[in-house]
Structures are given as C-alpha cells and as structure tokens.
Amino acid sequence: MAEARKAGLEAFCPEGQPGRYLARRDFAMKTGGAPALPDEQELWRLIEGLCESCTSFEALRGADILKLALDSSGFEGRKFWKNALPRA
C-alpha cells in the first residue's frame, strides 16, 4: 500500500480524473444539498480493499476506482453527480 500511495491516485485512474473528481466533489460539498460523496481518504480505502484481490498495479488501474466509489455512494449520489454538478 505504501507503494500505491507514493504513486498517487493518478496512477490508478485516467489522466487528470482524480483531480477533476475531487474538485467537483469539493464544489458540491460547499454548495450544500449534496448527498455524501466519497472523499480522497475513501478512495484510498477502496484501493486498499482492492489490493486484497488485485495482484498488480495494472489490475488496480483496470478496476475503475472512481466508478466504484460513485457506485458506493448509492443511487442519489450517482444521480447528483451526473445531473447536478458542473463539469470541471
């Protein structure tokens, strides 16, 4: 896990995706009315959980961590993400 943290979230997501996600999430949290959306620490916990079944960085990259994180926020989180937030 230490190696994963050194590599950063960007190592497990398409280029720029973690930064855009976190910026949109922060905007949603500041404006209010947003359902709970996973923060950076929750993304790392998800990666940590995936490390138990993935045997390589390549497998982690293929897991689509941000999709899994949004799916964990439930229907309301996914709907809010898709329809209510401006694109970064």
PDB file of N, CA and C in Angstrom:
ATOM      1  N   MET A   1       0.819  -1.191   0.000  1.00  0.00           N
ATOM      2  CA  MET A   1       0.000   0.000   0.000  1.00  0.00           C
ATOM      3  C   MET A   1       0.864   1.255   0.000  1.00  0.00           C
ATOM      4  N   ALA A   2       2.013   1.162   0.637  1.00  0.00           N
ATOM      5  CA  ALA A   2       2.920   2.312   0.661  1.00  0.00           C
ATOM      6  C   ALA A   2       3.343   2.687  -0.754  1.00  0.00           C
ATOM      7  N   GLU A   3       3.589   1.686  -1.598  1.00  0.00           N
ATOM      8  CA  GLU A   3       3.959   1.962  -2.986  1.00  0.00           C
ATOM      9  C   GLU A   3       2.807   2.619  -3.730  1.00  0.00           C
ATOM     10  N   ALA A   4       1.599   2.190  -3.454  1.00  0.00           N
ATOM     11  CA  ALA A   4       0.430   2.778  -4.103  1.00  0.00           C
ATOM     12  C   ALA A   4       0.288   4.244  -3.725  1.00  0.00           C
ATOM     13  N   ARG A   5       0.455   4.565  -2.452  1.00  0.00           N
ATOM     14  CA  ARG A   5       0.351   5.964  -2.010  1.00  0.00           C
ATOM     15  C   ARG A   5       1.437   6.822  -2.638  1.00  0.00           C
ATOM     16  N   LYS A   6       2.646   6.271  -2.771  1.00  0.00           N
ATOM     17  CA  LYS A   6       3.728   7.011  -3.422  1.00  0.00           C
ATOM     18  C   LYS A   6       3.361   7.340  -4.867  1.00  0.00           C
ATOM     19  N   ALA A   7       2.713   6.400  -5.537  1.00  0.00           N
ATOM     20  CA  ALA A   7       2.325   6.595  -6.935  1.00  0.00           C
ATOM     21  C   ALA A   7       1.205   7.626  -7.069  1.00  0.00           C
ATOM     22  N   GLY A   8       0.393   7.789  -6.046  1.00  0.00           N
ATOM     23  CA  GLY A   8      -0.716   8.754  -6.075  1.00  0.00           C
ATOM     24  C   GLY A   8      -1.952   8.193  -6.748  1.00  0.00           C
ATOM     25  N   LEU A   9      -3.084   8.845  -6.513  1.00  0.00           N
ATOM     26  CA  LEU A   9      -4.345   8.397  -7.107  1.00  0.00           C
ATOM     27  C   LEU A   9      -4.281   8.382  -8.626  1.00  0.00           C
ATOM     28  N   GLU A  10      -3.506   9.308  -9.199  1.00  0.00           N
ATOM     29  CA  GLU A  10      -3.410   9.412 -10.647  1.00  0.00           C
ATOM     30  C   GLU A  10      -2.891   8.128 -11.287  1.00  0.00           C
ATOM     31  N   ALA A  11      -2.138   7.343 -10.532  1.00  0.00           N
ATOM     32  CA  ALA A  11      -1.594   6.094 -11.062  1.00  0.00           C
ATOM     33  C   ALA A  11      -2.678   5.043 -11.287  1.00  0.00           C
ATOM     34  N   PHE A  12      -3.846   5.233 -10.695  1.00  0.00           N
ATOM     35  CA  PHE A  12      -4.903   4.235 -10.770  1.00  0.00           C
ATOM     36  C   PHE A  12      -6.130   4.696 -11.543  1.00  0.00           C
ATOM     37  N   CYS A  13      -6.063   5.888 -12.110  1.00  0.00           N
ATOM     38  CA  CYS A  13      -7.204   6.471 -12.817  1.00  0.00           C
ATOM     39  C   CYS A  13      -6.708   7.110 -14.112  1.00  0.00           C
ATOM     40  N   PRO A  14      -7.605   7.327 -15.054  1.00  0.00           N
ATOM     41  CA  PRO A  14      -7.207   8.050 -16.258  1.00  0.00           C
ATOM     42  C   PRO A  14      -6.642   9.430 -15.907  1.00  0.00           C
ATOM     43  N   GLU A  15      -5.792   9.928 -16.768  1.00  0.00           N
ATOM     44  CA  GLU A  15      -5.086  11.184 -16.529  1.00  0.00           C
ATOM     45  C   GLU A  15      -6.031  12.323 -16.120  1.00  0.00           C
ATOM     46  N   GLY A  16      -5.716  12.952 -15.022  1.00  0.00           N
ATOM     47  CA  GLY A  16      -6.474  14.100 -14.538  1.00  0.00           C
ATOM     48  C   GLY A  16      -7.779  13.777 -13.834  1.00  0.00           C
ATOM     49  N   GLN A  17      -8.225  12.540 -13.897  1.00  0.00           N
ATOM     50  CA  GLN A  17      -9.529  12.190 -13.355  1.00  0.00           C
ATOM     51  C   GLN A  17      -9.653  12.413 -11.844  1.00  0.00           C
ATOM     52  N   PRO A  18      -8.679  11.994 -11.037  1.00  0.00           N
ATOM     53  CA  PRO A  18      -8.850  12.221  -9.596  1.00  0.00           C
ATOM     54  C   PRO A  18      -8.955  13.697  -9.237  1.00  0.00           C
ATOM     55  N   GLY A  19      -8.150  14.531  -9.855  1.00  0.00           N
ATOM     56  CA  GLY A  19      -8.202  15.967  -9.580  1.00  0.00           C
ATOM     57  C   GLY A  19      -9.544  16.575  -9.958  1.00  0.00           C
ATOM     58  N   ARG A  20     -10.063  16.204 -11.124  1.00  0.00           N
ATOM     59  CA  ARG A  20     -11.374  16.721 -11.555  1.00  0.00           C
ATOM     60  C   ARG A  20     -12.471  16.235 -10.613  1.00  0.00           C
ATOM     61  N   TYR A  21     -12.425  14.947 -10.270  1.00  0.00           N
ATOM     62  CA  TYR A  21     -13.436  14.401  -9.367  1.00  0.00           C
ATOM     63  C   TYR A  21     -13.419  15.143  -8.034  1.00  0.00           C
ATOM     64  N   LEU A  22     -12.240  15.279  -7.434  1.00  0.00           N
ATOM     65  CA  LEU A  22     -12.149  15.906  -6.112  1.00  0.00           C
ATOM     66  C   LEU A  22     -12.559  17.376  -6.163  1.00  0.00           C
ATOM     67  N   ALA A  23     -12.254  18.086  -7.254  1.00  0.00           N
ATOM     68  CA  ALA A  23     -12.673  19.478  -7.394  1.00  0.00           C
ATOM     69  C   ALA A  23     -14.201  19.577  -7.474  1.00  0.00           C
ATOM     70  N   ARG A  24     -14.825  18.706  -8.261  1.00  0.00           N
ATOM     71  CA  ARG A  24     -16.289  18.712  -8.368  1.00  0.00           C
ATOM     72  C   ARG A  24     -16.929  18.326  -7.033  1.00  0.00           C
ATOM     73  N   ARG A  25     -16.338  17.346  -6.354  1.00  0.00           N
ATOM     74  CA  ARG A  25     -16.849  16.924  -5.053  1.00  0.00           C
ATOM     75  C   ARG A  25     -16.776  18.075  -4.056  1.00  0.00           C
ATOM     76  N   ASP A  26     -15.629  18.765  -4.000  1.00  0.00           N
ATOM     77  CA  ASP A  26     -15.480  19.897  -3.083  1.00  0.00           C
ATOM     78  C   ASP A  26     -16.514  20.980  -3.374  1.00  0.00           C
ATOM     79  N   PHE A  27     -16.761  21.264  -4.658  1.00  0.00           N
ATOM     80  CA  PHE A  27     -17.778  22.242  -5.038  1.00  0.00           C
ATOM     81  C   PHE A  27     -19.145  21.806  -4.520  1.00  0.00           C
ATOM     82  N   ALA A  28     -19.468  20.535  -4.701  1.00  0.00           N
ATOM     83  CA  ALA A  28     -20.774  20.021  -4.253  1.00  0.00           C
ATOM     84  C   ALA A  28     -20.919  20.141  -2.746  1.00  0.00           C
ATOM     85  N   MET A  29     -19.870  19.826  -2.013  1.00  0.00           N
ATOM     86  CA  MET A  29     -19.936  19.892  -0.556  1.00  0.00           C
ATOM     87  C   MET A  29     -20.089  21.331  -0.075  1.00  0.00           C
ATOM     88  N   LYS A  30     -19.478  22.285  -0.773  1.00  0.00           N
ATOM     89  CA  LYS A  30     -19.564  23.697  -0.380  1.00  0.00           C
ATOM     90  C   LYS A  30     -20.923  24.298  -0.689  1.00  0.00           C
ATOM     91  N   THR A  31     -21.564  23.848  -1.760  1.00  0.00           N
ATOM     92  CA  THR A  31     -22.846  24.424  -2.148  1.00  0.00           C
ATOM     93  C   THR A  31     -24.006  23.847  -1.351  1.00  0.00           C
ATOM     94  N   GLY A  32     -23.799  22.727  -0.700  1.00  0.00           N
ATOM     95  CA  GLY A  32     -24.837  22.126   0.132  1.00  0.00           C
ATOM     96  C   GLY A  32     -25.842  21.330  -0.680  1.00  0.00           C
ATOM     97  N   GLY A  33     -26.604  20.534  -0.013  1.00  0.00           N
ATOM     98  CA  GLY A  33     -27.639  19.734  -0.645  1.00  0.00           C
ATOM     99  C   GLY A  33     -27.120  18.493  -1.347  1.00  0.00           C
ATOM    100  N   ALA A  34     -25.819  18.267  -1.293  1.00  0.00           N
ATOM    101  CA  ALA A  34     -25.249  17.105  -1.960  1.00  0.00           C
ATOM    102  C   ALA A  34     -25.316  15.890  -1.048  1.00  0.00           C
ATOM    103  N   PRO A  35     -25.600  14.730  -1.621  1.00  0.00           N
ATOM    104  CA  PRO A  35     -25.503  13.512  -0.824  1.00  0.00           C
ATOM    105  C   PRO A  35     -24.034  13.246  -0.504  1.00  0.00           C
ATOM    106  N   ALA A  36     -23.779  12.343   0.385  1.00  0.00           N
ATOM    107  CA  ALA A  36     -22.400  12.004   0.725  1.00  0.00           C
ATOM    108  C   ALA A  36     -21.694  11.442  -0.501  1.00  0.00           C
ATOM    109  N   LEU A  37     -20.600  12.065  -0.863  1.00  0.00           N
ATOM    110  CA  LEU A  37     -19.775  11.589  -1.969  1.00  0.00           C
ATOM    111  C   LEU A  37     -18.406  11.214  -1.418  1.00  0.00           C
ATOM    112  N   PRO A  38     -17.808  10.147  -1.916  1.00  0.00           N
ATOM    113  CA  PRO A  38     -16.516   9.693  -1.382  1.00  0.00           C
ATOM    114  C   PRO A  38     -15.431  10.766  -1.485  1.00  0.00           C
ATOM    115  N   ASP A  39     -14.665  10.932  -0.404  1.00  0.00           N
ATOM    116  CA  ASP A  39     -13.552  11.881  -0.417  1.00  0.00           C
ATOM    117  C   ASP A  39     -12.255  11.140  -0.742  1.00  0.00           C
ATOM    118  N   GLU A  40     -11.138  11.855  -0.710  1.00  0.00           N
ATOM    119  CA  GLU A  40      -9.858  11.243  -1.078  1.00  0.00           C
ATOM    120  C   GLU A  40      -9.511  10.061  -0.176  1.00  0.00           C
ATOM    121  N   GLN A  41      -9.759  10.193   1.112  1.00  0.00           N
ATOM    122  CA  GLN A  41      -9.449   9.089   2.028  1.00  0.00           C
ATOM    123  C   GLN A  41     -10.299   7.858   1.715  1.00  0.00           C
ATOM    124  N   GLU A  42     -11.547   8.076   1.323  1.00  0.00           N
ATOM    125  CA  GLU A  42     -12.402   6.943   0.970  1.00  0.00           C
ATOM    126  C   GLU A  42     -11.911   6.271  -0.312  1.00  0.00           C
ATOM    127  N   LEU A  43     -11.372   7.068  -1.242  1.00  0.00           N
ATOM    128  CA  LEU A  43     -10.793   6.486  -2.452  1.00  0.00           C
ATOM    129  C   LEU A  43      -9.606   5.602  -2.094  1.00  0.00           C
ATOM    130  N   TRP A  44      -8.773   6.065  -1.155  1.00  0.00           N
ATOM    131  CA  TRP A  44      -7.627   5.248  -0.721  1.00  0.00           C
ATOM    132  C   TRP A  44      -8.088   3.980  -0.013  1.00  0.00           C
ATOM    133  N   ARG A  45      -9.151   4.073   0.795  1.00  0.00           N
ATOM    134  CA  ARG A  45      -9.668   2.864   1.451  1.00  0.00           C
ATOM    135  C   ARG A  45     -10.172   1.861   0.413  1.00  0.00           C
ATOM    136  N   LEU A  46     -10.803   2.360  -0.636  1.00  0.00           N
ATOM    137  CA  LEU A  46     -11.270   1.491  -1.710  1.00  0.00           C
ATOM    138  C   LEU A  46     -10.081   0.811  -2.390  1.00  0.00           C
ATOM    139  N   ILE A  47      -9.030   1.564  -2.679  1.00  0.00           N
ATOM    140  CA  ILE A  47      -7.828   0.982  -3.282  1.00  0.00           C
ATOM    141  C   ILE A  47      -7.235  -0.071  -2.350  1.00  0.00           C
ATOM    142  N   GLU A  48      -7.187   0.246  -1.065  1.00  0.00           N
ATOM    143  CA  GLU A  48      -6.648  -0.717  -0.094  1.00  0.00           C
ATOM    144  C   GLU A  48      -7.441  -2.019  -0.120  1.00  0.00           C
ATOM    145  N   GLY A  49      -8.755  -1.898  -0.180  1.00  0.00           N
ATOM    146  CA  GLY A  49      -9.586  -3.095  -0.268  1.00  0.00           C
ATOM    147  C   GLY A  49      -9.340  -3.872  -1.553  1.00  0.00           C
ATOM    148  N   LEU A  50      -9.137  -3.158  -2.649  1.00  0.00           N
ATOM    149  CA  LEU A  50      -8.870  -3.819  -3.923  1.00  0.00           C
ATOM    150  C   LEU A  50      -7.516  -4.518  -3.931  1.00  0.00           C
ATOM    151  N   CYS A  51      -6.579  -4.005  -3.134  1.00  0.00           N
ATOM    152  CA  CYS A  51      -5.253  -4.622  -3.064  1.00  0.00           C
ATOM    153  C   CYS A  51      -5.326  -6.066  -2.574  1.00  0.00           C
ATOM    154  N   GLU A  52      -6.374  -6.405  -1.856  1.00  0.00           N
ATOM    155  CA  GLU A  52      -6.520  -7.769  -1.364  1.00  0.00           C
ATOM    156  C   GLU A  52      -6.795  -8.757  -2.491  1.00  0.00           C
ATOM    157  N   SER A  53      -7.431  -8.270  -3.571  1.00  0.00           N
ATOM    158  CA  SER A  53      -7.755  -9.181  -4.668  1.00  0.00           C
ATOM    159  C   SER A  53      -6.949  -8.915  -5.936  1.00  0.00           C
ATOM    160  N   CYS A  54      -6.429  -7.723  -6.098  1.00  0.00           N
ATOM    161  CA  CYS A  54      -5.632  -7.400  -7.280  1.00  0.00           C
ATOM    162  C   CYS A  54      -4.171  -7.741  -7.002  1.00  0.00           C
ATOM    163  N   THR A  55      -3.523  -8.289  -7.987  1.00  0.00           N
ATOM    164  CA  THR A  55      -2.141  -8.716  -7.788  1.00  0.00           C
ATOM    165  C   THR A  55      -1.121  -7.804  -8.459  1.00  0.00           C
ATOM    166  N   SER A  56      -1.578  -6.718  -9.107  1.00  0.00           N
ATOM    167  CA  SER A  56      -0.651  -5.807  -9.773  1.00  0.00           C
ATOM    168  C   SER A  56      -1.255  -4.414  -9.870  1.00  0.00           C
ATOM    169  N   PHE A  57      -0.386  -3.427 -10.134  1.00  0.00           N
ATOM    170  CA  PHE A  57      -0.880  -2.070 -10.382  1.00  0.00           C
ATOM    171  C   PHE A  57      -1.805  -2.066 -11.596  1.00  0.00           C
ATOM    172  N   GLU A  58      -1.474  -2.866 -12.594  1.00  0.00           N
ATOM    173  CA  GLU A  58      -2.305  -2.926 -13.806  1.00  0.00           C
ATOM    174  C   GLU A  58      -3.727  -3.366 -13.467  1.00  0.00           C
ATOM    175  N   ALA A  59      -3.865  -4.340 -12.588  1.00  0.00           N
ATOM    176  CA  ALA A  59      -5.192  -4.795 -12.175  1.00  0.00           C
ATOM    177  C   ALA A  59      -5.928  -3.692 -11.426  1.00  0.00           C
ATOM    178  N   LEU A  60      -5.220  -2.937 -10.589  1.00  0.00           N
ATOM    179  CA  LEU A  60      -5.850  -1.822  -9.881  1.00  0.00           C
ATOM    180  C   LEU A  60      -6.309  -0.750 -10.861  1.00  0.00           C
ATOM    181  N   ARG A  61      -5.470  -0.439 -11.850  1.00  0.00           N
ATOM    182  CA  ARG A  61      -5.845   0.567 -12.855  1.00  0.00           C
ATOM    183  C   ARG A  61      -7.096   0.150 -13.611  1.00  0.00           C
ATOM    184  N   GLY A  62      -7.235  -1.138 -13.857  1.00  0.00           N
ATOM    185  CA  GLY A  62      -8.388  -1.638 -14.595  1.00  0.00           C
ATOM    186  C   GLY A  62      -9.662  -1.697 -13.780  1.00  0.00           C
ATOM    187  N   ALA A  63      -9.572  -1.444 -12.492  1.00  0.00           N
ATOM    188  CA  ALA A  63     -10.737  -1.574 -11.611  1.00  0.00           C
ATOM    189  C   ALA A  63     -11.698  -0.391 -11.699  1.00  0.00           C
ATOM    190  N   ASP A  64     -11.332   0.711 -12.319  1.00  0.00           N
ATOM    191  CA  ASP A  64     -12.142   1.936 -12.410  1.00  0.00           C
ATOM    192  C   ASP A  64     -12.592   2.390 -11.021  1.00  0.00           C
ATOM    193  N   ILE A  65     -11.626   2.839 -10.265  1.00  0.00           N
ATOM    194  CA  ILE A  65     -11.819   3.197  -8.865  1.00  0.00           C
ATOM    195  C   ILE A  65     -12.872   4.273  -8.670  1.00  0.00           C
ATOM    196  N   LEU A  66     -12.879   5.289  -9.517  1.00  0.00           N
ATOM    197  CA  LEU A  66     -13.871   6.350  -9.327  1.00  0.00           C
ATOM    198  C   LEU A  66     -15.287   5.861  -9.603  1.00  0.00           C
ATOM    199  N   LYS A  67     -15.454   4.980 -10.569  1.00  0.00           N
ATOM    200  CA  LYS A  67     -16.788   4.402 -10.798  1.00  0.00           C
ATOM    201  C   LYS A  67     -17.231   3.607  -9.576  1.00  0.00           C
ATOM    202  N   LEU A  68     -16.332   2.790  -9.052  1.00  0.00           N
ATOM    203  CA  LEU A  68     -16.663   2.015  -7.851  1.00  0.00           C
ATOM    204  C   LEU A  68     -17.001   2.937  -6.678  1.00  0.00           C
ATOM    205  N   ALA A  69     -16.261   4.031  -6.545  1.00  0.00           N
ATOM    206  CA  ALA A  69     -16.511   4.974  -5.452  1.00  0.00           C
ATOM    207  C   ALA A  69     -17.881   5.618  -5.607  1.00  0.00           C
ATOM    208  N   LEU A  70     -18.218   6.054  -6.820  1.00  0.00           N
ATOM    209  CA  LEU A  70     -19.534   6.663  -7.028  1.00  0.00           C
ATOM    210  C   LEU A  70     -20.646   5.644  -6.850  1.00  0.00           C
ATOM    211  N   ASP A  71     -20.410   4.423  -7.287  1.00  0.00           N
ATOM    212  CA  ASP A  71     -21.415   3.376  -7.070  1.00  0.00           C
ATOM    213  C   ASP A  71     -21.655   3.159  -5.579  1.00  0.00           C
ATOM    214  N   SER A  72     -20.600   3.309  -4.773  1.00  0.00           N
ATOM    215  CA  SER A  72     -20.752   3.125  -3.330  1.00  0.00           C
ATOM    216  C   SER A  72     -21.560   4.252  -2.689  1.00  0.00           C
ATOM    217  N   SER A  73     -21.698   5.371  -3.393  1.00  0.00           N
ATOM    218  CA  SER A  73     -22.476   6.487  -2.843  1.00  0.00           C
ATOM    219  C   SER A  73     -23.975   6.297  -3.060  1.00  0.00           C
ATOM    220  N   GLY A  74     -24.353   5.238  -3.738  1.00  0.00           N
ATOM    221  CA  GLY A  74     -25.764   4.916  -3.926  1.00  0.00           C
ATOM    222  C   GLY A  74     -26.391   5.670  -5.092  1.00  0.00           C
ATOM    223  N   PHE A  75     -27.655   5.398  -5.312  1.00  0.00           N
ATOM    224  CA  PHE A  75     -28.386   5.980  -6.428  1.00  0.00           C
ATOM    225  C   PHE A  75     -28.402   7.499  -6.368  1.00  0.00           C
ATOM    226  N   GLU A  76     -28.688   8.050  -5.185  1.00  0.00           N
ATOM    227  CA  GLU A  76     -28.768   9.512  -5.072  1.00  0.00           C
ATOM    228  C   GLU A  76     -27.428  10.180  -5.364  1.00  0.00           C
ATOM    229  N   GLY A  77     -26.349   9.585  -4.888  1.00  0.00           N
ATOM    230  CA  GLY A  77     -25.022  10.139  -5.160  1.00  0.00           C
ATOM    231  C   GLY A  77     -24.699  10.106  -6.638  1.00  0.00           C
ATOM    232  N   ARG A  78     -24.977   8.986  -7.286  1.00  0.00           N
ATOM    233  CA  ARG A  78     -24.718   8.839  -8.723  1.00  0.00           C
ATOM    234  C   ARG A  78     -25.570   9.822  -9.527  1.00  0.00           C
ATOM    235  N   LYS A  79     -26.840   9.939  -9.174  1.00  0.00           N
ATOM    236  CA  LYS A  79     -27.756  10.854  -9.872  1.00  0.00           C
ATOM    237  C   LYS A  79     -27.292  12.299  -9.705  1.00  0.00           C
ATOM    238  N   PHE A  80     -26.941  12.681  -8.489  1.00  0.00           N
ATOM    239  CA  PHE A  80     -26.467  14.039  -8.227  1.00  0.00           C
ATOM    240  C   PHE A  80     -25.203  14.310  -9.032  1.00  0.00           C
ATOM    241  N   TRP A  81     -24.288  13.365  -9.020  1.00  0.00           N
ATOM    242  CA  TRP A  81     -23.014  13.523  -9.743  1.00  0.00           C
ATOM    243  C   TRP A  81     -23.256  13.748 -11.222  1.00  0.00           C
ATOM    244  N   LYS A  82     -24.163  12.982 -11.778  1.00  0.00           N
ATOM    245  CA  LYS A  82     -24.416  13.039 -13.215  1.00  0.00           C
ATOM    246  C   LYS A  82     -25.179  14.289 -13.636  1.00  0.00           C
ATOM    247  N   ASN A  83     -26.148  14.709 -12.840  1.00  0.00           N
ATOM    248  CA  ASN A  83     -27.071  15.753 -13.278  1.00  0.00           C
ATOM    249  C   ASN A  83     -26.871  17.132 -12.653  1.00  0.00           C
ATOM    250  N   ALA A  84     -26.344  17.208 -11.455  1.00  0.00           N
ATOM    251  CA  ALA A  84     -26.373  18.498 -10.734  1.00  0.00           C
ATOM    252  C   ALA A  84     -25.050  19.232 -10.704  1.00  0.00           C
ATOM    253  N   LEU A  85     -23.965  18.564 -10.972  1.00  0.00           N
ATOM    254  CA  LEU A  85     -22.667  19.214 -10.825  1.00  0.00           C
ATOM    255  C   LEU A  85     -22.125  19.719 -12.146  1.00  0.00           C
ATOM    256  N   PRO A  86     -21.506  20.901 -12.126  1.00  0.00           N
ATOM    257  CA  PRO A  86     -20.852  21.381 -13.350  1.00  0.00           C
ATOM    258  C   PRO A  86     -19.648  20.511 -13.668  1.00  0.00           C
ATOM    259  N   ARG A  87     -19.370  20.371 -14.923  1.00  0.00           N
ATOM    260  CA  ARG A  87     -18.194  19.594 -15.339  1.00  0.00           C
ATOM    261  C   ARG A  87     -16.945  20.433 -15.169  1.00  0.00           C
ATOM    262  N   ALA A  88     -15.900  19.807 -14.639  1.00  0.00           N
ATOM    263  CA  ALA A  88     -14.625  20.525 -14.435  1.00  0.00           C
ATOM    264  C   ALA A  88     -13.811  20.523 -15.706  1.00  0.00           C
TER     265      ALA A  88
END
